[in-house]
N, C-alpha and C. Protein backbone atom coordinates (compact mmCIF):
# COMPACT_ATOMS: atom_id res chain seq x y z
N MET A 1 93.64 25.74 -3.41
CA MET A 1 94.82 26.13 -2.82
C MET A 1 95.49 27.36 -3.41
N HIS A 2 95.88 28.23 -2.51
CA HIS A 2 96.36 29.49 -2.94
C HIS A 2 97.87 29.34 -3.12
N ARG A 3 98.44 29.64 -4.30
CA ARG A 3 99.89 29.28 -4.61
C ARG A 3 100.64 30.68 -4.68
N ARG A 4 101.73 30.73 -3.96
CA ARG A 4 102.57 31.90 -4.08
C ARG A 4 103.76 31.54 -4.71
N SER A 5 104.31 32.45 -5.58
CA SER A 5 105.65 32.15 -6.29
C SER A 5 106.76 32.49 -5.32
N PHE A 6 107.84 31.91 -5.53
CA PHE A 6 108.98 32.12 -4.78
C PHE A 6 109.77 33.33 -5.30
N THR A 7 109.95 34.27 -4.32
CA THR A 7 110.70 35.47 -4.77
C THR A 7 112.12 35.44 -3.98
N PRO A 8 113.11 35.41 -4.72
CA PRO A 8 114.45 35.27 -4.14
C PRO A 8 114.77 36.49 -3.28
N ALA A 9 115.46 36.34 -2.16
CA ALA A 9 115.77 37.40 -1.12
C ALA A 9 116.43 38.58 -1.88
N TYR A 10 117.19 38.36 -2.86
CA TYR A 10 118.01 39.35 -3.45
C TYR A 10 117.20 40.13 -4.64
N SER A 11 116.02 39.69 -4.94
CA SER A 11 115.32 40.23 -6.17
C SER A 11 114.97 41.71 -5.90
N SER A 12 114.73 42.20 -4.71
CA SER A 12 114.47 43.67 -4.62
C SER A 12 115.65 44.42 -4.79
N TRP A 13 116.79 43.93 -4.41
CA TRP A 13 118.05 44.61 -4.68
C TRP A 13 118.41 44.74 -6.18
N ILE A 14 118.10 43.60 -7.02
CA ILE A 14 118.35 43.56 -8.33
C ILE A 14 117.38 44.51 -8.97
N ASN A 15 116.03 44.61 -8.54
CA ASN A 15 115.18 45.59 -9.20
C ASN A 15 115.67 47.01 -9.08
N GLN A 16 116.26 47.30 -7.95
CA GLN A 16 116.82 48.70 -7.84
C GLN A 16 118.07 48.93 -8.72
N VAL A 17 118.87 47.94 -8.91
CA VAL A 17 119.99 48.06 -9.88
C VAL A 17 119.35 48.19 -11.28
N GLU A 18 118.40 47.51 -11.65
CA GLU A 18 117.74 47.69 -12.89
C GLU A 18 117.21 48.98 -13.09
N ARG A 19 116.49 49.68 -12.06
CA ARG A 19 116.00 51.00 -12.14
C ARG A 19 117.12 52.04 -12.31
N TRP A 20 118.29 51.74 -11.64
CA TRP A 20 119.37 52.72 -11.91
C TRP A 20 119.94 52.70 -13.38
N PHE A 21 120.06 51.51 -13.77
CA PHE A 21 120.52 51.39 -15.13
C PHE A 21 119.45 51.98 -16.16
N ALA A 22 118.26 51.92 -15.93
CA ALA A 22 117.25 52.45 -16.79
C ALA A 22 117.38 54.02 -16.75
N LYS A 23 117.58 54.62 -15.59
CA LYS A 23 117.86 56.06 -15.49
C LYS A 23 119.09 56.49 -16.20
N LEU A 24 120.04 55.68 -15.98
CA LEU A 24 121.31 56.00 -16.76
C LEU A 24 121.12 56.09 -18.22
N GLU A 25 120.38 54.98 -18.72
CA GLU A 25 120.13 55.00 -20.11
C GLU A 25 119.32 56.22 -20.55
N ARG A 26 118.15 56.46 -19.90
CA ARG A 26 117.33 57.63 -20.33
C ARG A 26 117.99 58.93 -20.09
N ARG A 27 118.67 59.14 -19.07
CA ARG A 27 119.28 60.48 -18.82
C ARG A 27 120.59 60.75 -19.44
N CYS A 28 121.37 59.77 -19.68
CA CYS A 28 122.72 59.90 -20.17
C CYS A 28 122.91 59.45 -21.55
N LEU A 29 122.62 58.15 -21.79
CA LEU A 29 122.96 57.59 -23.03
C LEU A 29 122.14 58.00 -24.16
N GLU A 30 120.67 58.09 -24.00
CA GLU A 30 119.78 58.30 -25.09
C GLU A 30 119.99 59.79 -25.51
N ARG A 31 120.42 60.75 -24.73
CA ARG A 31 120.53 62.05 -25.07
C ARG A 31 121.86 62.51 -25.70
N GLY A 32 122.90 61.62 -25.44
CA GLY A 32 124.20 62.06 -25.96
C GLY A 32 124.62 61.34 -27.21
N VAL A 33 125.58 61.88 -27.82
CA VAL A 33 126.27 61.31 -28.97
C VAL A 33 127.76 61.19 -28.64
N CYS A 34 128.22 60.01 -28.54
CA CYS A 34 129.58 59.85 -28.25
C CYS A 34 130.44 59.42 -29.44
N CYS A 35 131.46 60.08 -29.96
CA CYS A 35 132.13 59.73 -31.05
C CYS A 35 133.35 58.88 -30.77
N SER A 36 133.71 58.62 -29.46
CA SER A 36 134.78 57.84 -29.14
C SER A 36 134.44 57.19 -27.84
N LEU A 37 135.31 56.14 -27.56
CA LEU A 37 135.25 55.44 -26.22
C LEU A 37 135.51 56.38 -25.05
N ASP A 38 136.49 57.29 -25.26
CA ASP A 38 136.72 58.31 -24.23
C ASP A 38 135.61 59.30 -24.00
N ASP A 39 134.90 59.69 -25.11
CA ASP A 39 133.72 60.52 -24.90
C ASP A 39 132.68 59.72 -24.12
N LEU A 40 132.36 58.49 -24.35
CA LEU A 40 131.46 57.75 -23.64
C LEU A 40 131.86 57.66 -22.18
N LYS A 41 133.14 57.24 -21.94
CA LYS A 41 133.64 57.15 -20.55
C LYS A 41 133.47 58.47 -19.80
N THR A 42 133.71 59.64 -20.44
CA THR A 42 133.63 60.87 -19.80
C THR A 42 132.14 61.16 -19.46
N ALA A 43 131.21 60.89 -20.37
CA ALA A 43 129.81 61.12 -20.22
C ALA A 43 129.28 60.33 -19.11
N LEU A 44 129.73 58.99 -19.01
CA LEU A 44 129.27 58.14 -17.97
C LEU A 44 129.72 58.65 -16.55
N GLU A 45 130.98 58.95 -16.50
CA GLU A 45 131.64 59.36 -15.24
C GLU A 45 130.98 60.69 -14.76
N ASP A 46 130.70 61.66 -15.68
CA ASP A 46 130.03 62.82 -15.29
C ASP A 46 128.68 62.60 -14.75
N TRP A 47 127.94 61.81 -15.48
CA TRP A 47 126.47 61.42 -15.04
C TRP A 47 126.47 60.70 -13.66
N ILE A 48 127.35 59.85 -13.49
CA ILE A 48 127.52 59.12 -12.21
C ILE A 48 127.93 60.12 -11.15
N LYS A 49 128.72 61.01 -11.33
CA LYS A 49 129.07 62.04 -10.31
C LYS A 49 127.85 62.83 -9.90
N VAL A 50 127.12 63.31 -10.82
CA VAL A 50 125.93 64.10 -10.59
C VAL A 50 124.95 63.29 -9.88
N TRP A 51 124.76 62.04 -10.30
CA TRP A 51 123.78 61.03 -9.61
C TRP A 51 124.23 60.87 -8.06
N ASN A 52 125.54 60.68 -7.84
CA ASN A 52 126.04 60.43 -6.48
C ASN A 52 125.82 61.74 -5.74
N ASP A 53 126.02 62.96 -6.26
CA ASP A 53 125.86 64.20 -5.55
C ASP A 53 124.52 64.40 -5.10
N GLU A 54 123.51 63.90 -5.94
CA GLU A 54 122.08 64.17 -5.64
C GLU A 54 121.29 62.99 -5.35
N ALA A 55 121.99 61.88 -4.92
CA ALA A 55 121.35 60.66 -4.69
C ALA A 55 120.30 60.61 -3.61
N ARG A 56 119.25 59.97 -3.87
CA ARG A 56 118.15 59.77 -2.89
C ARG A 56 117.72 58.37 -3.02
N PRO A 57 117.36 57.77 -1.86
CA PRO A 57 116.89 56.32 -1.98
C PRO A 57 115.62 56.12 -2.80
N PHE A 58 115.56 55.02 -3.49
CA PHE A 58 114.27 54.64 -4.05
C PHE A 58 113.33 54.31 -3.03
N LYS A 59 112.06 54.62 -3.33
CA LYS A 59 111.07 54.46 -2.31
C LYS A 59 110.00 53.52 -2.85
N TRP A 60 109.62 52.49 -2.13
CA TRP A 60 108.59 51.49 -2.60
C TRP A 60 107.28 52.15 -2.28
N THR A 61 106.28 52.00 -3.22
CA THR A 61 104.97 52.56 -2.93
C THR A 61 103.89 51.60 -2.52
N LYS A 62 104.31 50.30 -2.53
CA LYS A 62 103.41 49.22 -2.09
C LYS A 62 104.10 48.37 -1.14
N THR A 63 103.29 47.72 -0.32
CA THR A 63 103.93 46.78 0.59
C THR A 63 104.21 45.41 -0.10
N ALA A 64 104.98 44.55 0.54
CA ALA A 64 105.28 43.34 -0.10
C ALA A 64 103.99 42.52 -0.27
N ASP A 65 103.11 42.52 0.73
CA ASP A 65 101.88 41.80 0.62
C ASP A 65 100.98 42.32 -0.61
N GLN A 66 101.00 43.56 -0.85
CA GLN A 66 100.21 44.17 -1.97
C GLN A 66 100.84 43.61 -3.31
N ILE A 67 102.17 43.62 -3.38
CA ILE A 67 102.76 43.16 -4.56
C ILE A 67 102.62 41.69 -4.82
N LEU A 68 102.71 40.87 -3.78
CA LEU A 68 102.50 39.49 -3.85
C LEU A 68 101.05 39.09 -4.16
N ASP A 69 100.12 39.82 -3.61
CA ASP A 69 98.65 39.51 -3.89
C ASP A 69 98.33 39.87 -5.42
N ARG A 70 98.94 40.83 -5.95
CA ARG A 70 98.73 41.19 -7.31
C ARG A 70 99.37 40.17 -8.25
N ILE A 71 100.56 39.66 -7.87
CA ILE A 71 101.19 38.61 -8.66
C ILE A 71 100.28 37.41 -8.67
N CYS A 72 99.87 37.03 -7.55
CA CYS A 72 99.08 35.79 -7.42
C CYS A 72 97.67 35.77 -8.12
N ARG A 73 97.19 37.05 -8.38
CA ARG A 73 95.85 37.02 -8.99
C ARG A 73 95.77 36.54 -10.43
């Protein structure tokens, strides 16, 4: 019997949020040194503004069936 795991309907949305926070960490937080909470807030707001000005949608490179097949192997 071939068993498939249950994937919640919201999981793809959560994965996109996780990717966004990973980019935030790599491109904003890892490179900067903030000496105060105000510095951190300013750095985050500046990065988010740049992100929003240049935003492009994330693109899936595999179909849902390809992803599920790999998980089930």
